[in-house]
Amino acid sequence: MIIDGSRQITADSADATREELTPEQLNGKLKGRLSRLADDVRAQARKARDDRIRKLVEETATKIDAGAAAKSPASWMGTDFVDIPPRLTRDCHV
């Protein structure tokens, strides 16, 4: 889900370049995409049977929410979002 979300965000960014969106318009698109991704991740957390995994996935959703609320989600993507997939890969196992 995170990887798919990353691909969608990359596609949005490429579209924004082609469409010559302003930084504000790009940030608006990213905020929406990140908000939806956080909601999807939160829904997955509710399905987790293991408390440790549930907590890890909920924390991930909270981090993505922070990106959606950031002044510059594009900057947040380059500094914070990139840490999420390796963390999940490393820590998300039972």
PDB file of N, CA and C in Angstrom:
ATOM      1  N   MET A   1       0.816  -1.180   0.000  1.00  0.00           N
ATOM      2  CA  MET A   1       0.000   0.000   0.000  1.00  0.00           C
ATOM      3  C   MET A   1       0.874   1.263   0.000  1.00  0.00           C
ATOM      4  N   ILE A   2       1.913   1.274   0.823  1.00  0.00           N
ATOM      5  CA  ILE A   2       2.807   2.425   0.884  1.00  0.00           C
ATOM      6  C   ILE A   2       3.522   2.596  -0.457  1.00  0.00           C
ATOM      7  N   ILE A   3       3.988   1.492  -1.019  1.00  0.00           N
ATOM      8  CA  ILE A   3       4.692   1.560  -2.300  1.00  0.00           C
ATOM      9  C   ILE A   3       3.740   2.034  -3.393  1.00  0.00           C
ATOM     10  N   ASP A   4       2.514   1.514  -3.392  1.00  0.00           N
ATOM     11  CA  ASP A   4       1.529   1.954  -4.377  1.00  0.00           C
ATOM     12  C   ASP A   4       1.237   3.441  -4.203  1.00  0.00           C
ATOM     13  N   GLY A   5       1.101   3.881  -2.961  1.00  0.00           N
ATOM     14  CA  GLY A   5       0.887   5.304  -2.691  1.00  0.00           C
ATOM     15  C   GLY A   5       2.040   6.148  -3.195  1.00  0.00           C
ATOM     16  N   SER A   6       3.248   5.649  -3.019  1.00  0.00           N
ATOM     17  CA  SER A   6       4.436   6.358  -3.515  1.00  0.00           C
ATOM     18  C   SER A   6       4.391   6.490  -5.031  1.00  0.00           C
ATOM     19  N   ARG A   7       3.989   5.425  -5.682  1.00  0.00           N
ATOM     20  CA  ARG A   7       3.896   5.463  -7.151  1.00  0.00           C
ATOM     21  C   ARG A   7       2.851   6.470  -7.610  1.00  0.00           C
ATOM     22  N   GLN A   8       1.726   6.506  -6.907  1.00  0.00           N
ATOM     23  CA  GLN A   8       0.677   7.460  -7.265  1.00  0.00           C
ATOM     24  C   GLN A   8       1.156   8.895  -7.055  1.00  0.00           C
ATOM     25  N   ILE A   9       1.880   9.121  -5.979  1.00  0.00           N
ATOM     26  CA  ILE A   9       2.408  10.455  -5.707  1.00  0.00           C
ATOM     27  C   ILE A   9       3.433  10.840  -6.769  1.00  0.00           C
ATOM     28  N   THR A  10       4.266   9.897  -7.164  1.00  0.00           N
ATOM     29  CA  THR A  10       5.241  10.160  -8.227  1.00  0.00           C
ATOM     30  C   THR A  10       4.524  10.507  -9.529  1.00  0.00           C
ATOM     31  N   ALA A  11       3.476   9.765  -9.839  1.00  0.00           N
ATOM     32  CA  ALA A  11       2.701  10.049 -11.053  1.00  0.00           C
ATOM     33  C   ALA A  11       2.051  11.428 -10.967  1.00  0.00           C
ATOM     34  N   ASP A  12       1.512  11.777  -9.793  1.00  0.00           N
ATOM     35  CA  ASP A  12       0.927  13.105  -9.603  1.00  0.00           C
ATOM     36  C   ASP A  12       1.965  14.194  -9.827  1.00  0.00           C
ATOM     37  N   SER A  13       3.162  13.975  -9.309  1.00  0.00           N
ATOM     38  CA  SER A  13       4.228  14.969  -9.461  1.00  0.00           C
ATOM     39  C   SER A  13       4.619  15.128 -10.924  1.00  0.00           C
ATOM     40  N   ALA A  14       4.709  14.018 -11.642  1.00  0.00           N
ATOM     41  CA  ALA A  14       5.025  14.086 -13.073  1.00  0.00           C
ATOM     42  C   ALA A  14       3.920  14.814 -13.829  1.00  0.00           C
ATOM     43  N   ASP A  15       2.670  14.516 -13.485  1.00  0.00           N
ATOM     44  CA  ASP A  15       1.540  15.208 -14.109  1.00  0.00           C
ATOM     45  C   ASP A  15       1.591  16.700 -13.806  1.00  0.00           C
ATOM     46  N   ALA A  16       1.939  17.038 -12.578  1.00  0.00           N
ATOM     47  CA  ALA A  16       2.018  18.444 -12.179  1.00  0.00           C
ATOM     48  C   ALA A  16       3.056  19.185 -13.004  1.00  0.00           C
ATOM     49  N   THR A  17       4.160  18.523 -13.302  1.00  0.00           N
ATOM     50  CA  THR A  17       5.201  19.141 -14.129  1.00  0.00           C
ATOM     51  C   THR A  17       4.679  19.368 -15.543  1.00  0.00           C
ATOM     52  N   ARG A  18       4.029  18.354 -16.100  1.00  0.00           N
ATOM     53  CA  ARG A  18       3.472  18.487 -17.456  1.00  0.00           C
ATOM     54  C   ARG A  18       2.395  19.570 -17.513  1.00  0.00           C
ATOM     55  N   GLU A  19       1.592  19.624 -16.454  1.00  0.00           N
ATOM     56  CA  GLU A  19       0.493  20.593 -16.412  1.00  0.00           C
ATOM     57  C   GLU A  19       0.961  21.971 -15.953  1.00  0.00           C
ATOM     58  N   GLU A  20       2.235  22.072 -15.595  1.00  0.00           N
ATOM     59  CA  GLU A  20       2.828  23.321 -15.116  1.00  0.00           C
ATOM     60  C   GLU A  20       2.062  23.894 -13.924  1.00  0.00           C
ATOM     61  N   LEU A  21       1.782  23.022 -12.960  1.00  0.00           N
ATOM     62  CA  LEU A  21       1.101  23.469 -11.751  1.00  0.00           C
ATOM     63  C   LEU A  21       2.024  24.347 -10.926  1.00  0.00           C
ATOM     64  N   THR A  22       1.422  25.251 -10.191  1.00  0.00           N
ATOM     65  CA  THR A  22       2.194  26.078  -9.267  1.00  0.00           C
ATOM     66  C   THR A  22       2.577  25.220  -8.065  1.00  0.00           C
ATOM     67  N   PRO A  23       3.571  25.641  -7.289  1.00  0.00           N
ATOM     68  CA  PRO A  23       3.906  24.891  -6.071  1.00  0.00           C
ATOM     69  C   PRO A  23       2.702  24.728  -5.142  1.00  0.00           C
ATOM     70  N   GLU A  24       1.870  25.741  -5.071  1.00  0.00           N
ATOM     71  CA  GLU A  24       0.684  25.663  -4.211  1.00  0.00           C
ATOM     72  C   GLU A  24      -0.278  24.588  -4.708  1.00  0.00           C
ATOM     73  N   GLN A  25      -0.453  24.519  -6.025  1.00  0.00           N
ATOM     74  CA  GLN A  25      -1.342  23.499  -6.588  1.00  0.00           C
ATOM     75  C   GLN A  25      -0.775  22.098  -6.363  1.00  0.00           C
ATOM     76  N   LEU A  26       0.532  21.952  -6.546  1.00  0.00           N
ATOM     77  CA  LEU A  26       1.172  20.656  -6.307  1.00  0.00           C
ATOM     78  C   LEU A  26       1.026  20.257  -4.847  1.00  0.00           C
ATOM     79  N   ASN A  27       1.267  21.199  -3.938  1.00  0.00           N
ATOM     80  CA  ASN A  27       1.121  20.893  -2.516  1.00  0.00           C
ATOM     81  C   ASN A  27      -0.306  20.479  -2.188  1.00  0.00           C
ATOM     82  N   GLY A  28      -1.281  21.120  -2.823  1.00  0.00           N
ATOM     83  CA  GLY A  28      -2.679  20.746  -2.612  1.00  0.00           C
ATOM     84  C   GLY A  28      -2.947  19.312  -3.048  1.00  0.00           C
ATOM     85  N   LYS A  29      -2.402  18.934  -4.202  1.00  0.00           N
ATOM     86  CA  LYS A  29      -2.572  17.552  -4.672  1.00  0.00           C
ATOM     87  C   LYS A  29      -1.897  16.567  -3.718  1.00  0.00           C
ATOM     88  N   LEU A  30      -0.693  16.911  -3.289  1.00  0.00           N
ATOM     89  CA  LEU A  30       0.031  16.021  -2.374  1.00  0.00           C
ATOM     90  C   LEU A  30      -0.695  15.884  -1.043  1.00  0.00           C
ATOM     91  N   LYS A  31      -1.217  16.978  -0.523  1.00  0.00           N
ATOM     92  CA  LYS A  31      -1.950  16.923   0.746  1.00  0.00           C
ATOM     93  C   LYS A  31      -3.132  15.963   0.641  1.00  0.00           C
ATOM     94  N   GLY A  32      -3.876  16.063  -0.459  1.00  0.00           N
ATOM     95  CA  GLY A  32      -5.017  15.169  -0.656  1.00  0.00           C
ATOM     96  C   GLY A  32      -4.597  13.718  -0.776  1.00  0.00           C
ATOM     97  N   ARG A  33      -3.563  13.473  -1.559  1.00  0.00           N
ATOM     98  CA  ARG A  33      -3.079  12.103  -1.758  1.00  0.00           C
ATOM     99  C   ARG A  33      -2.577  11.521  -0.434  1.00  0.00           C
ATOM    100  N   LEU A  34      -1.820  12.314   0.322  1.00  0.00           N
ATOM    101  CA  LEU A  34      -1.290  11.828   1.604  1.00  0.00           C
ATOM    102  C   LEU A  34      -2.409  11.582   2.611  1.00  0.00           C
ATOM    103  N   SER A  35      -3.414  12.446   2.624  1.00  0.00           N
ATOM    104  CA  SER A  35      -4.554  12.240   3.536  1.00  0.00           C
ATOM    105  C   SER A  35      -5.261  10.924   3.234  1.00  0.00           C
ATOM    106  N   ARG A  36      -5.475  10.653   1.951  1.00  0.00           N
ATOM    107  CA  ARG A  36      -6.131   9.392   1.570  1.00  0.00           C
ATOM    108  C   ARG A  36      -5.260   8.192   1.924  1.00  0.00           C
ATOM    109  N   LEU A  37      -3.957   8.329   1.704  1.00  0.00           N
ATOM    110  CA  LEU A  37      -3.045   7.241   2.049  1.00  0.00           C
ATOM    111  C   LEU A  37      -3.066   6.981   3.554  1.00  0.00           C
ATOM    112  N   ALA A  38      -3.059   8.037   4.356  1.00  0.00           N
ATOM    113  CA  ALA A  38      -3.111   7.869   5.815  1.00  0.00           C
ATOM    114  C   ALA A  38      -4.399   7.153   6.224  1.00  0.00           C
ATOM    115  N   ASP A  39      -5.513   7.516   5.611  1.00  0.00           N
ATOM    116  CA  ASP A  39      -6.785   6.841   5.911  1.00  0.00           C
ATOM    117  C   ASP A  39      -6.716   5.361   5.552  1.00  0.00           C
ATOM    118  N   ASP A  40      -6.130   5.051   4.398  1.00  0.00           N
ATOM    119  CA  ASP A  40      -5.997   3.650   3.977  1.00  0.00           C
ATOM    120  C   ASP A  40      -5.093   2.868   4.930  1.00  0.00           C
ATOM    121  N   VAL A  41      -3.998   3.485   5.344  1.00  0.00           N
ATOM    122  CA  VAL A  41      -3.068   2.826   6.274  1.00  0.00           C
ATOM    123  C   VAL A  41      -3.754   2.606   7.617  1.00  0.00           C
ATOM    124  N   ARG A  42      -4.515   3.593   8.068  1.00  0.00           N
ATOM    125  CA  ARG A  42      -5.238   3.468   9.336  1.00  0.00           C
ATOM    126  C   ARG A  42      -6.248   2.322   9.268  1.00  0.00           C
ATOM    127  N   ALA A  43      -6.909   2.177   8.133  1.00  0.00           N
ATOM    128  CA  ALA A  43      -7.860   1.071   7.959  1.00  0.00           C
ATOM    129  C   ALA A  43      -7.140  -0.270   8.052  1.00  0.00           C
ATOM    130  N   GLN A  44      -5.943  -0.355   7.495  1.00  0.00           N
ATOM    131  CA  GLN A  44      -5.160  -1.585   7.599  1.00  0.00           C
ATOM    132  C   GLN A  44      -4.751  -1.850   9.044  1.00  0.00           C
ATOM    133  N   ALA A  45      -4.439  -0.800   9.776  1.00  0.00           N
ATOM    134  CA  ALA A  45      -4.051  -0.972  11.181  1.00  0.00           C
ATOM    135  C   ALA A  45      -5.188  -1.613  11.971  1.00  0.00           C
ATOM    136  N   ARG A  46      -6.410  -1.213  11.674  1.00  0.00           N
ATOM    137  CA  ARG A  46      -7.559  -1.776  12.391  1.00  0.00           C
ATOM    138  C   ARG A  46      -7.708  -3.272  12.136  1.00  0.00           C
ATOM    139  N   LYS A  47      -7.195  -3.750  11.021  1.00  0.00           N
ATOM    140  CA  LYS A  47      -7.295  -5.174  10.683  1.00  0.00           C
ATOM    141  C   LYS A  47      -6.186  -6.017  11.313  1.00  0.00           C
ATOM    142  N   ALA A  48      -5.167  -5.369  11.822  1.00  0.00           N
ATOM    143  CA  ALA A  48      -4.020  -6.106  12.372  1.00  0.00           C
ATOM    144  C   ALA A  48      -4.437  -6.891  13.609  1.00  0.00           C
ATOM    145  N   ARG A  49      -3.980  -8.114  13.693  1.00  0.00           N
ATOM    146  CA  ARG A  49      -4.290  -8.965  14.844  1.00  0.00           C
ATOM    147  C   ARG A  49      -3.245  -8.830  15.940  1.00  0.00           C
ATOM    148  N   ASP A  50      -2.053  -8.487  15.560  1.00  0.00           N
ATOM    149  CA  ASP A  50      -0.950  -8.343  16.507  1.00  0.00           C
ATOM    150  C   ASP A  50      -0.889  -6.891  16.986  1.00  0.00           C
ATOM    151  N   ASP A  51      -0.904  -6.685  18.307  1.00  0.00           N
ATOM    152  CA  ASP A  51      -0.908  -5.328  18.863  1.00  0.00           C
ATOM    153  C   ASP A  51       0.317  -4.520  18.454  1.00  0.00           C
ATOM    154  N   ARG A  52       1.460  -5.164  18.398  1.00  0.00           N
ATOM    155  CA  ARG A  52       2.691  -4.451  18.031  1.00  0.00           C
ATOM    156  C   ARG A  52       2.621  -3.969  16.583  1.00  0.00           C
ATOM    157  N   ILE A  53       2.113  -4.815  15.716  1.00  0.00           N
ATOM    158  CA  ILE A  53       1.967  -4.445  14.307  1.00  0.00           C
ATOM    159  C   ILE A  53       0.930  -3.335  14.174  1.00  0.00           C
ATOM    160  N   ARG A  54      -0.183  -3.471  14.884  1.00  0.00           N
ATOM    161  CA  ARG A  54      -1.227  -2.445  14.842  1.00  0.00           C
ATOM    162  C   ARG A  54      -0.651  -1.092  15.244  1.00  0.00           C
ATOM    163  N   LYS A  55       0.116  -1.077  16.326  1.00  0.00           N
ATOM    164  CA  LYS A  55       0.706   0.180  16.797  1.00  0.00           C
ATOM    165  C   LYS A  55       1.665   0.755  15.755  1.00  0.00           C
ATOM    166  N   LEU A  56       2.498  -0.075  15.171  1.00  0.00           N
ATOM    167  CA  LEU A  56       3.451   0.371  14.154  1.00  0.00           C
ATOM    168  C   LEU A  56       2.726   0.980  12.951  1.00  0.00           C
ATOM    169  N   VAL A  57       1.663   0.329  12.507  1.00  0.00           N
ATOM    170  CA  VAL A  57       0.932   0.818  11.344  1.00  0.00           C
ATOM    171  C   VAL A  57       0.157   2.090  11.695  1.00  0.00           C
ATOM    172  N   GLU A  58      -0.404   2.166  12.902  1.00  0.00           N
ATOM    173  CA  GLU A  58      -1.073   3.396  13.341  1.00  0.00           C
ATOM    174  C   GLU A  58      -0.083   4.557  13.401  1.00  0.00           C
ATOM    175  N   GLU A  59       1.118   4.303  13.907  1.00  0.00           N
ATOM    176  CA  GLU A  59       2.155   5.342  13.944  1.00  0.00           C
ATOM    177  C   GLU A  59       2.508   5.800  12.537  1.00  0.00           C
ATOM    178  N   THR A  60       2.521   4.876  11.609  1.00  0.00           N
ATOM    179  CA  THR A  60       2.803   5.221  10.216  1.00  0.00           C
ATOM    180  C   THR A  60       1.717   6.143   9.668  1.00  0.00           C
ATOM    181  N   ALA A  61       0.462   5.830   9.953  1.00  0.00           N
ATOM    182  CA  ALA A  61      -0.640   6.686   9.503  1.00  0.00           C
ATOM    183  C   ALA A  61      -0.515   8.084  10.098  1.00  0.00           C
ATOM    184  N   THR A  62      -0.127   8.160  11.362  1.00  0.00           N
ATOM    185  CA  THR A  62       0.056   9.460  12.013  1.00  0.00           C
ATOM    186  C   THR A  62       1.173  10.252  11.340  1.00  0.00           C
ATOM    187  N   LYS A  63       2.253   9.579  10.983  1.00  0.00           N
ATOM    188  CA  LYS A  63       3.354  10.253  10.283  1.00  0.00           C
ATOM    189  C   LYS A  63       2.889  10.763   8.921  1.00  0.00           C
ATOM    190  N   ILE A  64       2.103   9.970   8.226  1.00  0.00           N
ATOM    191  CA  ILE A  64       1.612  10.398   6.914  1.00  0.00           C
ATOM    192  C   ILE A  64       0.651  11.574   7.073  1.00  0.00           C
ATOM    193  N   ASP A  65      -0.169  11.562   8.129  1.00  0.00           N
ATOM    194  CA  ASP A  65      -1.029  12.714   8.423  1.00  0.00           C
ATOM    195  C   ASP A  65      -0.192  13.980   8.604  1.00  0.00           C
ATOM    196  N   ALA A  66       0.950  13.838   9.278  1.00  0.00           N
ATOM    197  CA  ALA A  66       1.837  14.990   9.478  1.00  0.00           C
ATOM    198  C   ALA A  66       2.326  15.520   8.135  1.00  0.00           C
ATOM    199  N   GLY A  67       2.598  14.630   7.212  1.00  0.00           N
ATOM    200  CA  GLY A  67       3.010  15.056   5.878  1.00  0.00           C
ATOM    201  C   GLY A  67       1.898  15.797   5.154  1.00  0.00           C
ATOM    202  N   ALA A  68       0.670  15.311   5.309  1.00  0.00           N
ATOM    203  CA  ALA A  68      -0.471  15.974   4.679  1.00  0.00           C
ATOM    204  C   ALA A  68      -0.688  17.365   5.266  1.00  0.00           C
ATOM    205  N   ALA A  69      -0.344  17.534   6.534  1.00  0.00           N
ATOM    206  CA  ALA A  69      -0.529  18.822   7.205  1.00  0.00           C
ATOM    207  C   ALA A  69       0.678  19.749   7.063  1.00  0.00           C
ATOM    208  N   ALA A  70       1.768  19.232   6.523  1.00  0.00           N
ATOM    209  CA  ALA A  70       2.994  20.026   6.414  1.00  0.00           C
ATOM    210  C   ALA A  70       2.800  21.215   5.477  1.00  0.00           C
ATOM    211  N   LYS A  71       3.535  22.274   5.749  1.00  0.00           N
ATOM    212  CA  LYS A  71       3.485  23.455   4.878  1.00  0.00           C
ATOM    213  C   LYS A  71       3.907  23.079   3.459  1.00  0.00           C
ATOM    214  N   SER A  72       4.919  22.233   3.370  1.00  0.00           N
ATOM    215  CA  SER A  72       5.389  21.760   2.064  1.00  0.00           C
ATOM    216  C   SER A  72       5.441  20.234   2.072  1.00  0.00           C
ATOM    217  N   PRO A  73       4.342  19.587   1.678  1.00  0.00           N
ATOM    218  CA  PRO A  73       4.349  18.131   1.642  1.00  0.00           C
ATOM    219  C   PRO A  73       5.443  17.575   0.732  1.00  0.00           C
ATOM    220  N   ALA A  74       5.788  18.311  -0.312  1.00  0.00           N
ATOM    221  CA  ALA A  74       6.849  17.838  -1.213  1.00  0.00           C
ATOM    222  C   ALA A  74       8.169  17.725  -0.463  1.00  0.00           C
ATOM    223  N   SER A  75       8.485  18.704   0.365  1.00  0.00           N
ATOM    224  CA  SER A  75       9.713  18.635   1.170  1.00  0.00           C
ATOM    225  C   SER A  75       9.628  17.502   2.179  1.00  0.00           C
ATOM    226  N   TRP A  76       8.467  17.350   2.809  1.00  0.00           N
ATOM    227  CA  TRP A  76       8.265  16.278   3.783  1.00  0.00           C
ATOM    228  C   TRP A  76       8.489  14.922   3.125  1.00  0.00           C
ATOM    229  N   MET A  77       8.021  14.781   1.888  1.00  0.00           N
ATOM    230  CA  MET A  77       8.201  13.514   1.169  1.00  0.00           C
ATOM    231  C   MET A  77       9.684  13.165   1.062  1.00  0.00           C
ATOM    232  N   GLY A  78      10.503  14.168   0.772  1.00  0.00           N
ATOM    233  CA  GLY A  78      11.928  13.926   0.572  1.00  0.00           C
ATOM    234  C   GLY A  78      12.711  13.685   1.839  1.00  0.00           C
ATOM    235  N   THR A  79      12.152  14.102   2.978  1.00  0.00           N
ATOM    236  CA  THR A  79      12.892  13.941   4.232  1.00  0.00           C
ATOM    237  C   THR A  79      12.308  12.881   5.154  1.00  0.00           C
ATOM    238  N   ASP A  80      10.997  12.807   5.243  1.00  0.00           N
ATOM    239  CA  ASP A  80      10.362  11.915   6.216  1.00  0.00           C
ATOM    240  C   ASP A  80       9.723  10.677   5.594  1.00  0.00           C
ATOM    241  N   PHE A  81       9.018  10.876   4.491  1.00  0.00           N
ATOM    242  CA  PHE A  81       8.311   9.754   3.877  1.00  0.00           C
ATOM    243  C   PHE A  81       9.266   8.648   3.461  1.00  0.00           C
ATOM    244  N   VAL A  82      10.428   9.030   2.997  1.00  0.00           N
ATOM    245  CA  VAL A  82      11.393   8.032   2.509  1.00  0.00           C
ATOM    246  C   VAL A  82      11.825   7.052   3.598  1.00  0.00           C
ATOM    247  N   ASP A  83      11.660   7.427   4.861  1.00  0.00           N
ATOM    248  CA  ASP A  83      12.029   6.540   5.964  1.00  0.00           C
ATOM    249  C   ASP A  83      10.950   5.501   6.285  1.00  0.00           C
ATOM    250  N   ILE A  84       9.738   5.723   5.811  1.00  0.00           N
ATOM    251  CA  ILE A  84       8.625   4.847   6.183  1.00  0.00           C
ATOM    252  C   ILE A  84       8.760   3.433   5.602  1.00  0.00           C
ATOM    253  N   PRO A  85       8.946   3.260   4.296  1.00  0.00           N
ATOM    254  CA  PRO A  85       9.033   1.881   3.773  1.00  0.00           C
ATOM    255  C   PRO A  85      10.131   1.035   4.420  1.00  0.00           C
ATOM    256  N   PRO A  86      11.360   1.562   4.600  1.00  0.00           N
ATOM    257  CA  PRO A  86      12.376   0.713   5.240  1.00  0.00           C
ATOM    258  C   PRO A  86      12.010   0.340   6.681  1.00  0.00           C
ATOM    259  N   ARG A  87      11.382   1.276   7.386  1.00  0.00           N
ATOM    260  CA  ARG A  87      10.984   0.994   8.771  1.00  0.00           C
ATOM    261  C   ARG A  87       9.932  -0.118   8.810  1.00  0.00           C
ATOM    262  N   LEU A  88       8.949  -0.035   7.935  1.00  0.00           N
ATOM    263  CA  LEU A  88       7.923  -1.079   7.906  1.00  0.00           C
ATOM    264  C   LEU A  88       8.524  -2.423   7.512  1.00  0.00           C
ATOM    265  N   THR A  89       9.405  -2.407   6.537  1.00  0.00           N
ATOM    266  CA  THR A  89      10.053  -3.649   6.110  1.00  0.00           C
ATOM    267  C   THR A  89      10.848  -4.267   7.254  1.00  0.00           C
ATOM    268  N   ARG A  90      11.535  -3.432   7.985  1.00  0.00           N
ATOM    269  CA  ARG A  90      12.385  -3.909   9.081  1.00  0.00           C
ATOM    270  C   ARG A  90      11.560  -4.383  10.283  1.00  0.00           C
ATOM    271  N   ASP A  91      10.518  -3.618  10.640  1.00  0.00           N
ATOM    272  CA  ASP A  91       9.835  -3.846  11.916  1.00  0.00           C
ATOM    273  C   ASP A  91       8.486  -4.549  11.814  1.00  0.00           C
ATOM    274  N   CYS A  92       7.938  -4.678  10.646  1.00  0.00           N
ATOM    275  CA  CYS A  92       6.573  -5.191  10.508  1.00  0.00           C
ATOM    276  C   CYS A  92       6.581  -6.690  10.205  1.00  0.00           C
ATOM    277  N   HIS A  93       6.872  -7.461  11.228  1.00  0.00           N
ATOM    278  CA  HIS A  93       6.807  -8.917  11.108  1.00  0.00           C
ATOM    279  C   HIS A  93       6.459  -9.485  12.476  1.00  0.00           C
ATOM    280  N   VAL A  94       5.856 -10.648  12.480  1.00  0.00           N
ATOM    281  CA  VAL A  94       5.471 -11.278  13.756  1.00  0.00           C
ATOM    282  C   VAL A  94       6.318 -12.493  14.017  1.00  0.00           C
TER     283      VAL A  94
END
